[in-house]
Amino acid sequence: MALTLALLEGGSTFAAVCGMIFFWLRPVLLDWADVLAMLGQAVSVSLCCIVAFYYNDLYDLRIVRKFGDFASRLLQSFGVAFILLAGFYTAFPGTKLAGGPFVSSLLIIVGFLLPLRAISYVVMRSRPFIERVLILGASPLAQLINAEIEAQPHLRYAVVGVADDPTDFGEPRCGYPLLGPLKHLGKVIEEVRPQRIIVALVERRGRLPLSQLLEARMRGVVVEDGAAFYESLTGELAIESLTPSGLIFSKDFRKSNVDLAIGRGLSLLASVVALVSLAPLLCLIALAIKLDSLGPVLFVHDRVGLRGQRFKLLKFRTMHPVTAETSEWVLDNSHRITRVGKWLRKFRLDELPQFVNIVCGEMNLVGPRPHPASNFELFKERIPYYSLRSAVRPGITGWAQVRYGYANNLEEEIQKMRYDLYYIKHLSLRFDLRILFDTVKIVLFGRGSRAADAYRTQFLVRSDTR
């Protein structure tokens, strides 16, 4: 849905700008050079608008859940678009658009986007467009799936009930009716007529009604594994539902050497360019740190990287030094953060020295964040499949960072592990680029990484207390 909106709104923005330019300047359009200039102007305005919309989360329907949220953010987005256009026109003055076509284009864009989004929100919540979902199993995974569906109405799913044997789990705690035992699945399907069946049973051997599921599948009902469905909803892996055999035989966890080589090459190139171009900024940060507090400029820490090898991670120091051993959790050290460190952390500038780690081959631009070596044994013992994190190089930024942020206890580290495994499973250049775009959003606006997932807390807590 979000991608469809982005394409539709991007195309309409481009069409509106082209139409207004032609309307205002049609007497002077004489040849192809004028047409190309018009297209360049339309591209510049459209591109700046779409980038501004993206970085104000207008396409993240987990955040912009209602039309009122969209309308308020749309005004902020145009402010960002004007700033981007000013910079674009400075770099490419030939693309500058005259006042009349520019103002008219904006009015047309606003006049189109507002009703389009209003219609979109109505469609997302209209019964004819909602897909009916039947859950097999009243397991903890089923409860998580129910909560996610409830928390993301833009996905257009509606749970019609749960089918399971009550002798195993009793009445489901997820708030949906128990429609019948598994042996009567055919009758349940006839009664509720689901369009999708999610299999979320804890134990399937001897319990899964294969013949009835096959019959439903032949009638056009989508039958999907619960763990895979949860993964598509959340962008994370349900660690509790993973099995060693499933990981061993999964093709997704086997990455080609070509993909790994491309990722490594791009990380190295970007790091060299960043170190050269950002050298003045690095010097200014180092000076600010020395003037603000006593202690070294850099914080050097033992971390665990590729294949479990240890290396020295470099960061700008953001805390007052201490002589005694301290906790590794961020929350336990918040009182030690310096004045400069507060701003460095907010905009993630304390991570810049890690470009040196990338050049040395210890890290990549994107990957799971490297954990402190002092926590390695604890995490390996307490977090399922933790050793899989060492299958790829750690990164300056990663999927867990942009979706969750810092962890302050073992439970939060386990949650981040879900995102890390999802990244390792789906590792690709396109995925890396998406993570980098989201990282830029966090850096530019200084927003916390958990903003996109804040909606989940209330629903998941509610499902636990039902």
Protein backbone atom coordinates (compact mmCIF):
# COMPACT_ATOMS: atom_id res chain seq x y z
CA MET A 1 0.00 0.00 0.00
CA ALA A 2 2.78 2.44 0.91
CA LEU A 3 4.68 1.75 -2.33
CA THR A 4 1.50 2.18 -4.36
CA LEU A 5 0.85 5.54 -2.70
CA ALA A 6 4.42 6.66 -3.30
CA LEU A 7 4.27 5.80 -6.99
CA LEU A 8 0.83 7.35 -7.42
CA GLU A 9 1.70 10.54 -5.58
CA GLY A 10 5.09 10.82 -7.29
CA GLY A 11 3.52 10.44 -10.71
CA SER A 12 0.74 12.91 -9.95
CA THR A 13 3.23 15.46 -8.62
CA PHE A 14 5.31 15.20 -11.79
CA ALA A 15 2.20 15.48 -13.98
CA ALA A 16 0.94 18.52 -12.05
CA VAL A 17 4.23 20.37 -12.41
CA CYS A 18 4.50 19.53 -16.12
CA GLY A 19 0.92 20.67 -16.70
CA MET A 20 1.39 23.98 -14.93
CA ILE A 21 4.66 24.73 -16.74
CA PHE A 22 3.04 24.03 -20.10
CA PHE A 23 -0.01 26.11 -19.16
CA TRP A 24 2.08 29.15 -18.22
CA LEU A 25 4.81 28.92 -20.82
CA ARG A 26 3.12 27.33 -23.84
CA PRO A 27 3.64 30.41 -26.11
CA VAL A 28 7.43 30.07 -25.83
CA LEU A 29 7.75 26.29 -26.15
CA LEU A 30 9.32 26.11 -29.58
CA ASP A 31 11.60 23.06 -29.76
CA TRP A 32 12.79 19.93 -27.97
CA ALA A 33 15.30 21.90 -25.90
CA ASP A 34 12.40 23.77 -24.27
CA VAL A 35 10.56 20.52 -23.66
CA LEU A 36 13.64 18.97 -22.02
CA ALA A 37 14.07 22.06 -19.85
CA MET A 38 10.44 21.77 -18.78
CA LEU A 39 10.94 18.12 -17.87
CA GLY A 40 14.06 18.99 -15.87
CA GLN A 41 12.12 21.59 -13.89
CA ALA A 42 9.30 19.14 -13.24
CA VAL A 43 11.75 16.45 -12.11
CA SER A 44 13.49 18.83 -9.69
CA VAL A 45 10.23 19.89 -7.99
CA SER A 46 8.80 16.36 -7.92
CA LEU A 47 11.99 14.79 -6.62
CA CYS A 48 12.34 17.30 -3.79
CA CYS A 49 8.69 16.83 -2.82
CA ILE A 50 8.89 13.03 -2.78
CA VAL A 51 12.13 13.06 -0.76
CA ALA A 52 10.53 15.47 1.73
CA PHE A 53 7.45 13.26 1.98
CA TYR A 54 9.59 10.19 2.60
CA TYR A 55 11.70 11.80 5.30
CA ASN A 56 8.60 13.08 7.07
CA ASP A 57 7.25 9.51 7.21
CA LEU A 58 4.26 10.17 4.96
CA TYR A 59 4.76 6.73 3.40
CA ASP A 60 5.16 4.92 6.72
CA LEU A 61 1.57 3.97 7.46
CA ARG A 62 2.59 2.59 10.84
CA ILE A 63 3.21 6.20 11.89
CA VAL A 64 0.77 8.15 9.71
CA ARG A 65 -2.21 6.02 10.72
CA LYS A 66 -4.97 8.61 10.23
CA PHE A 67 -5.80 11.33 7.75
CA GLY A 68 -5.25 14.00 10.42
CA ASP A 69 -1.69 12.76 10.94
CA PHE A 70 -1.07 12.99 7.20
CA ALA A 71 -2.48 16.52 6.85
CA SER A 72 -0.32 17.92 9.64
CA ARG A 73 2.84 16.25 8.35
CA LEU A 74 2.13 17.39 4.79
CA LEU A 75 2.63 21.04 5.78
CA GLN A 76 5.96 20.17 7.43
CA SER A 77 6.97 18.23 4.33
CA PHE A 78 6.53 21.25 2.07
CA GLY A 79 8.80 23.25 4.35
CA VAL A 80 11.49 20.59 3.92
CA ALA A 81 10.81 20.51 0.15
CA PHE A 82 11.43 24.27 -0.11
CA ILE A 83 14.80 23.87 1.62
CA LEU A 84 15.74 21.02 -0.72
CA LEU A 85 14.66 23.05 -3.75
CA ALA A 86 16.77 26.01 -2.64
CA GLY A 87 19.82 23.76 -2.48
CA PHE A 88 18.92 22.10 -5.79
CA TYR A 89 18.50 25.43 -7.56
CA THR A 90 21.84 26.61 -6.19
CA ALA A 91 23.56 23.55 -7.66
CA PHE A 92 21.51 23.53 -10.89
CA PRO A 93 20.24 27.06 -11.57
CA GLY A 94 18.97 26.06 -15.02
CA THR A 95 16.19 24.00 -13.45
CA LYS A 96 14.71 26.88 -11.47
CA LEU A 97 10.96 27.22 -11.92
CA ALA A 98 9.24 30.60 -12.26
CA GLY A 99 6.91 31.83 -9.53
CA GLY A 100 3.61 31.41 -11.37
CA PRO A 101 4.05 27.77 -12.42
CA PHE A 102 5.63 26.93 -9.06
CA VAL A 103 2.76 28.27 -6.92
CA SER A 104 0.15 26.78 -9.23
CA SER A 105 1.89 23.40 -9.11
CA LEU A 106 1.88 23.37 -5.31
CA LEU A 107 -1.83 24.19 -5.19
CA ILE A 108 -2.60 21.39 -7.64
CA ILE A 109 -0.41 18.95 -5.69
CA VAL A 110 -2.11 19.76 -2.37
CA GLY A 111 -5.52 19.64 -4.00
CA PHE A 112 -4.78 16.16 -5.30
CA LEU A 113 -2.90 14.64 -2.37
CA LEU A 114 -5.44 15.46 0.34
CA PRO A 115 -8.46 13.75 -1.27
CA LEU A 116 -6.24 10.87 -2.49
CA ARG A 117 -5.09 10.10 1.03
CA ALA A 118 -8.57 10.54 2.43
CA ILE A 119 -9.87 7.97 -0.05
CA SER A 120 -6.93 5.67 0.73
CA TYR A 121 -7.71 5.63 4.46
CA VAL A 122 -11.38 4.90 3.73
CA VAL A 123 -10.40 2.04 1.41
CA MET A 124 -8.00 0.55 3.97
CA ARG A 125 -10.80 0.32 6.52
CA SER A 126 -13.66 -0.65 4.20
CA ARG A 127 -15.01 -4.18 4.61
CA PRO A 128 -14.98 -5.11 0.87
CA PHE A 129 -11.21 -4.48 0.75
CA ILE A 130 -10.32 -6.34 3.96
CA GLU A 131 -8.93 -9.88 3.74
CA ARG A 132 -10.47 -12.38 6.15
CA VAL A 133 -7.85 -14.36 8.10
CA LEU A 134 -8.26 -17.62 10.00
CA ILE A 135 -5.56 -18.55 12.52
CA LEU A 136 -4.74 -22.20 13.22
CA GLY A 137 -3.46 -22.45 16.78
CA ALA A 138 -3.91 -20.43 19.96
CA SER A 139 -0.15 -20.33 20.51
CA PRO A 140 1.96 -17.34 21.64
CA LEU A 141 2.91 -16.82 17.98
CA ALA A 142 -0.79 -16.61 17.09
CA GLN A 143 -1.26 -13.95 19.76
CA LEU A 144 1.60 -11.91 18.31
CA ILE A 145 0.13 -12.21 14.82
CA ASN A 146 -3.28 -11.11 16.07
CA ALA A 147 -1.78 -8.10 17.83
CA GLU A 148 0.20 -7.07 14.75
CA ILE A 149 -2.84 -7.31 12.49
CA GLU A 150 -4.82 -5.19 14.94
CA ALA A 151 -2.00 -2.65 15.15
CA GLN A 152 -1.59 -2.27 11.38
CA PRO A 153 -5.02 -1.64 9.82
CA HIS A 154 -3.41 -0.42 6.59
CA LEU A 155 -2.50 -4.03 5.80
CA ARG A 156 -6.22 -4.73 5.37
CA TYR A 157 -6.36 -7.99 7.35
CA ALA A 158 -9.14 -9.00 9.73
CA VAL A 159 -8.95 -12.06 11.97
CA VAL A 160 -12.28 -13.93 11.88
CA GLY A 161 -11.32 -16.45 14.55
CA VAL A 162 -9.00 -19.18 15.78
CA ALA A 163 -9.22 -22.91 15.17
CA ASP A 164 -7.48 -25.20 17.67
CA ASP A 165 -8.03 -28.08 20.04
CA PRO A 166 -9.21 -26.54 23.34
CA THR A 167 -7.74 -29.37 25.39
CA ASP A 168 -4.25 -28.10 24.60
CA PHE A 169 -4.50 -24.36 25.23
CA GLY A 170 -8.01 -23.71 26.43
CA GLU A 171 -9.73 -20.59 25.23
CA PRO A 172 -7.45 -18.30 23.21
CA ARG A 173 -6.13 -15.35 25.17
CA CYS A 174 -5.91 -13.18 22.05
CA GLY A 175 -9.54 -12.06 22.21
CA TYR A 176 -10.85 -13.94 19.16
CA PRO A 177 -13.41 -16.76 19.28
CA LEU A 178 -12.39 -20.39 19.23
CA LEU A 179 -14.28 -21.66 16.19
CA GLY A 180 -13.69 -25.37 16.62
CA PRO A 181 -11.15 -28.17 16.82
CA LEU A 182 -8.70 -28.89 14.02
CA LYS A 183 -10.49 -32.06 12.95
CA HIS A 184 -13.50 -29.93 12.00
CA LEU A 185 -11.43 -27.42 10.03
CA GLY A 186 -13.39 -28.05 6.83
CA LYS A 187 -16.62 -27.07 8.54
CA VAL A 188 -14.99 -24.00 10.09
CA ILE A 189 -13.76 -22.89 6.66
CA GLU A 190 -17.23 -23.30 5.18
CA GLU A 191 -18.74 -21.16 7.94
CA VAL A 192 -16.30 -18.23 8.07
CA ARG A 193 -15.02 -18.37 4.44
CA PRO A 194 -11.49 -17.05 5.08
CA GLN A 195 -9.32 -15.77 2.26
CA ARG A 196 -6.12 -16.61 4.12
CA ILE A 197 -5.24 -19.31 6.66
CA ILE A 198 -2.25 -18.81 8.95
CA VAL A 199 -0.76 -21.95 10.51
CA ALA A 200 0.62 -20.97 13.94
CA LEU A 201 0.58 -24.32 15.74
CA VAL A 202 3.30 -25.06 18.27
CA GLU A 203 3.36 -28.76 17.37
CA ARG A 204 2.19 -29.73 13.88
CA ARG A 205 3.13 -33.41 13.80
CA GLY A 206 -0.06 -35.47 13.85
CA ARG A 207 -2.24 -32.39 14.39
CA LEU A 208 -2.17 -30.52 11.08
CA PRO A 209 -5.27 -31.34 8.95
CA LEU A 210 -3.38 -31.61 5.66
CA SER A 211 -6.24 -32.85 3.50
CA GLN A 212 -8.54 -30.03 4.57
CA LEU A 213 -5.83 -27.42 4.09
CA LEU A 214 -5.05 -28.82 0.63
CA GLU A 215 -8.70 -28.65 -0.31
CA ALA A 216 -8.89 -25.04 0.87
CA ARG A 217 -5.72 -24.26 -1.06
CA MET A 218 -7.23 -25.67 -4.25
CA ARG A 219 -10.25 -23.39 -3.76
CA GLY A 220 -8.00 -20.33 -3.82
CA VAL A 221 -7.50 -19.80 -0.09
CA VAL A 222 -3.94 -18.70 0.72
CA VAL A 223 -2.31 -21.00 3.28
CA GLU A 224 0.78 -19.53 4.94
CA ASP A 225 3.22 -20.49 7.66
CA GLY A 226 2.74 -18.43 10.81
CA ALA A 227 6.40 -17.56 11.30
CA ALA A 228 6.74 -16.42 7.67
CA PHE A 229 3.56 -14.34 7.93
CA TYR A 230 4.74 -12.71 11.17
CA GLU A 231 8.06 -11.96 9.47
CA SER A 232 6.31 -10.17 6.60
CA LEU A 233 4.21 -8.14 9.05
CA THR A 234 7.01 -6.96 11.30
CA GLY A 235 10.35 -7.10 9.48
CA GLU A 236 11.72 -9.38 12.18
CA LEU A 237 12.08 -13.12 12.76
CA ALA A 238 10.11 -14.97 15.42
CA ILE A 239 13.09 -16.57 17.14
CA GLU A 240 10.89 -18.85 19.25
CA SER A 241 9.47 -20.46 16.10
CA LEU A 242 12.81 -21.07 14.39
CA THR A 243 14.19 -24.60 14.22
CA PRO A 244 17.77 -25.69 13.49
CA SER A 245 16.62 -27.76 10.51
CA GLY A 246 14.69 -24.80 9.13
CA LEU A 247 17.80 -22.64 9.28
CA ILE A 248 20.06 -25.34 7.83
CA PHE A 249 17.87 -25.95 4.78
CA SER A 250 16.81 -22.33 4.24
CA LYS A 251 18.18 -20.86 1.03
CA ASP A 252 17.80 -17.31 2.35
CA PHE A 253 20.70 -17.62 4.80
CA ARG A 254 23.16 -18.66 2.06
CA LYS A 255 24.52 -15.50 0.43
CA SER A 256 26.55 -15.50 -2.77
CA ASN A 257 30.12 -14.27 -2.77
CA VAL A 258 29.12 -11.71 -5.40
CA ASP A 259 26.58 -10.05 -3.09
CA LEU A 260 29.07 -9.98 -0.23
CA ALA A 261 31.81 -8.59 -2.48
CA ILE A 262 29.56 -5.80 -3.80
CA GLY A 263 28.55 -4.82 -0.27
CA ARG A 264 32.16 -4.81 0.86
CA GLY A 265 33.31 -2.75 -2.15
CA LEU A 266 30.60 -0.12 -1.71
CA SER A 267 31.32 0.13 2.02
CA LEU A 268 35.03 0.65 1.38
CA LEU A 269 34.43 3.27 -1.31
CA ALA A 270 31.89 5.17 0.79
CA SER A 271 34.22 5.14 3.81
CA VAL A 272 37.19 6.54 1.93
CA VAL A 273 35.03 9.29 0.42
CA ALA A 274 33.49 10.08 3.82
CA LEU A 275 36.82 10.30 5.63
CA VAL A 276 38.19 12.70 3.03
CA SER A 277 35.09 14.88 2.65
CA LEU A 278 34.22 14.98 6.36
CA ALA A 279 37.75 15.65 7.60
CA PRO A 280 36.96 19.27 8.63
CA LEU A 281 33.86 18.12 10.54
CA LEU A 282 35.83 15.37 12.29
CA CYS A 283 38.39 17.93 13.42
CA LEU A 284 35.70 20.28 14.74
CA ILE A 285 34.04 17.46 16.69
CA ALA A 286 37.39 16.43 18.17
CA LEU A 287 38.05 20.03 19.25
CA ALA A 288 34.58 20.35 20.81
CA ILE A 289 35.10 17.15 22.80
CA LYS A 290 38.45 18.34 24.18
CA LEU A 291 37.04 21.73 25.15
CA ASP A 292 33.91 20.26 26.74
CA SER A 293 35.38 17.65 29.08
CA LEU A 294 38.56 15.95 30.21
CA GLY A 295 39.58 12.69 28.57
CA PRO A 296 40.55 11.31 25.17
CA VAL A 297 38.78 12.28 21.96
CA LEU A 298 38.15 8.71 20.90
CA PHE A 299 36.46 5.89 22.78
CA VAL A 300 38.12 2.58 21.93
CA HIS A 301 36.22 -0.56 22.86
CA ASP A 302 36.61 -4.30 22.31
CA ARG A 303 33.84 -5.59 20.08
CA VAL A 304 33.01 -8.89 18.38
CA GLY A 305 32.91 -8.95 14.60
CA LEU A 306 32.94 -11.37 11.67
CA ARG A 307 33.29 -15.04 12.72
CA GLY A 308 33.51 -14.01 16.37
CA GLN A 309 36.83 -12.18 15.95
CA ARG A 310 37.54 -9.29 18.30
CA PHE A 311 38.53 -5.83 17.13
CA LYS A 312 38.92 -2.29 18.48
CA LEU A 313 35.84 -0.21 17.66
CA LEU A 314 36.37 3.56 17.38
CA LYS A 315 33.83 6.17 18.45
CA PHE A 316 33.93 9.78 19.50
CA ARG A 317 33.83 9.89 23.29
CA THR A 318 30.41 11.01 24.52
CA MET A 319 30.74 10.23 28.25
CA HIS A 320 32.89 11.30 31.15
CA PRO A 321 35.67 8.72 31.73
CA VAL A 322 35.55 6.46 34.79
CA THR A 323 38.19 4.24 36.34
CA ALA A 324 35.92 1.46 37.65
CA GLU A 325 34.05 -1.05 35.54
CA THR A 326 30.59 0.11 34.46
CA SER A 327 27.47 -1.42 32.95
CA GLU A 328 27.33 -1.88 29.17
CA TRP A 329 23.69 -0.71 28.98
CA VAL A 330 23.10 2.81 27.68
CA LEU A 331 20.42 3.60 30.26
CA ASP A 332 22.78 2.84 33.15
CA ASN A 333 25.30 5.37 31.84
CA SER A 334 23.00 8.24 30.88
CA HIS A 335 24.28 10.37 33.79
CA ARG A 336 27.80 10.24 32.33
CA ILE A 337 26.89 11.73 28.93
CA THR A 338 28.64 15.05 28.27
CA ARG A 339 27.03 18.16 26.80
CA VAL A 340 28.70 17.63 23.43
CA GLY A 341 28.07 13.90 23.69
CA LYS A 342 24.34 14.48 23.96
CA TRP A 343 24.28 16.14 20.55
CA LEU A 344 26.68 13.67 19.01
CA ARG A 345 24.45 10.80 20.08
CA LYS A 346 21.28 12.50 18.92
CA PHE A 347 22.57 12.87 15.37
CA ARG A 348 24.71 9.68 15.47
CA LEU A 349 27.88 11.70 14.81
CA ASP A 350 29.77 9.74 17.45
CA GLU A 351 29.82 6.80 15.01
CA LEU A 352 31.84 8.62 12.31
CA PRO A 353 35.29 7.28 13.35
CA GLN A 354 34.04 3.79 12.49
CA PHE A 355 34.73 4.59 8.85
CA VAL A 356 38.30 3.73 9.85
CA ASN A 357 37.09 0.32 11.04
CA ILE A 358 35.50 -0.20 7.63
CA VAL A 359 38.72 0.68 5.81
CA CYS A 360 40.56 -1.80 8.03
CA GLY A 361 38.12 -4.56 7.01
CA GLU A 362 36.55 -4.97 10.45
CA MET A 363 33.12 -3.54 9.60
CA ASN A 364 30.79 -2.71 6.74
CA LEU A 365 28.57 0.28 6.23
CA VAL A 366 25.44 -1.82 6.95
CA GLY A 367 25.19 -4.85 9.20
CA PRO A 368 24.35 -5.92 12.76
CA ARG A 369 25.86 -3.56 15.32
CA PRO A 370 28.98 -5.11 16.93
CA HIS A 371 28.38 -6.12 20.54
CA PRO A 372 30.86 -5.54 23.39
CA ALA A 373 33.21 -8.48 23.83
CA SER A 374 32.40 -8.50 27.55
CA ASN A 375 28.77 -9.43 26.76
CA PHE A 376 29.51 -12.02 24.10
CA GLU A 377 29.39 -15.12 26.31
CA LEU A 378 26.25 -13.92 28.11
CA PHE A 379 24.42 -13.23 24.85
CA LYS A 380 25.61 -16.49 23.31
CA GLU A 381 24.16 -18.40 26.25
CA ARG A 382 20.88 -16.49 26.66
CA ILE A 383 19.88 -15.42 23.12
CA PRO A 384 18.78 -18.16 20.68
CA TYR A 385 20.88 -18.48 17.51
CA TYR A 386 23.09 -15.61 18.65
CA SER A 387 26.15 -16.99 16.84
CA LEU A 388 24.44 -16.32 13.49
CA ARG A 389 25.14 -12.59 13.95
CA SER A 390 28.82 -13.34 13.31
CA ALA A 391 28.06 -14.71 9.83
CA VAL A 392 28.35 -11.20 8.34
CA ARG A 393 30.48 -8.16 9.09
CA PRO A 394 29.00 -5.78 11.65
CA GLY A 395 27.94 -2.35 10.44
CA ILE A 396 27.86 1.31 11.43
CA THR A 397 24.11 1.14 10.94
CA GLY A 398 21.73 -1.75 10.58
CA TRP A 399 18.13 -2.90 10.40
CA ALA A 400 17.90 -3.28 14.18
CA GLN A 401 19.31 0.22 14.67
CA VAL A 402 16.85 2.00 12.39
CA ARG A 403 13.90 -0.03 13.66
CA TYR A 404 14.69 -0.26 17.37
CA GLY A 405 17.71 1.78 18.45
CA TYR A 406 19.70 1.18 21.63
CA ALA A 407 19.04 -1.78 23.94
CA ASN A 408 19.05 -1.36 27.72
CA ASN A 409 18.54 -4.94 28.92
CA LEU A 410 18.68 -8.53 27.77
CA GLU A 411 15.05 -8.59 26.65
CA GLU A 412 15.64 -5.63 24.35
CA GLU A 413 18.78 -7.29 22.99
CA ILE A 414 16.67 -10.33 22.12
CA GLN A 415 14.23 -8.04 20.31
CA LYS A 416 17.09 -6.51 18.33
CA MET A 417 18.29 -10.01 17.54
CA ARG A 418 14.99 -10.64 15.74
CA TYR A 419 15.74 -7.71 13.43
CA ASP A 420 19.38 -8.77 12.95
CA LEU A 421 18.33 -12.26 11.85
CA TYR A 422 15.81 -10.75 9.45
CA TYR A 423 18.58 -8.63 7.94
CA ILE A 424 20.95 -11.60 7.59
CA LYS A 425 18.21 -13.65 5.98
CA HIS A 426 17.27 -10.96 3.45
CA LEU A 427 20.68 -9.36 2.95
CA SER A 428 20.88 -7.59 -0.42
CA LEU A 429 22.07 -4.35 -1.96
CA ARG A 430 18.50 -3.03 -2.16
CA PHE A 431 17.93 -3.78 1.52
CA ASP A 432 21.19 -2.03 2.44
CA LEU A 433 20.13 1.06 0.50
CA ARG A 434 16.80 1.14 2.31
CA ILE A 435 18.58 0.99 5.66
CA LEU A 436 20.93 3.80 4.61
CA PHE A 437 17.99 5.99 3.57
CA ASP A 438 16.33 5.40 6.94
CA THR A 439 19.62 6.14 8.70
CA VAL A 440 19.88 9.48 6.91
CA LYS A 441 16.37 10.27 8.13
CA ILE A 442 17.39 9.60 11.74
CA VAL A 443 20.62 11.58 11.41
CA LEU A 444 19.06 14.62 9.72
CA PHE A 445 16.05 14.91 12.01
CA GLY A 446 17.63 13.56 15.19
CA ARG A 447 14.67 11.28 15.76
CA GLY A 448 14.86 8.11 17.80
CA SER A 449 14.95 4.85 15.92
CA ARG A 450 11.90 3.51 17.71
CA ALA A 451 9.49 6.08 16.27
CA ALA A 452 8.30 3.71 13.54
CA ASP A 453 7.62 0.91 16.01
CA ALA A 454 6.14 2.92 18.87
CA TYR A 455 2.65 1.85 17.87
CA ARG A 456 3.45 -1.78 18.68
CA THR A 457 3.95 -1.38 22.42
CA GLN A 458 0.35 -0.62 23.32
CA PHE A 459 -1.04 -3.47 21.23
CA LEU A 460 1.48 -6.09 22.32
CA VAL A 461 1.01 -5.15 25.98
CA ARG A 462 -2.74 -5.32 25.50
CA SER A 463 -2.47 -8.83 24.01
CA ASP A 464 -0.42 -9.99 27.01
CA THR A 465 -2.99 -8.75 29.51
CA ARG A 466 -6.12 -10.14 27.89
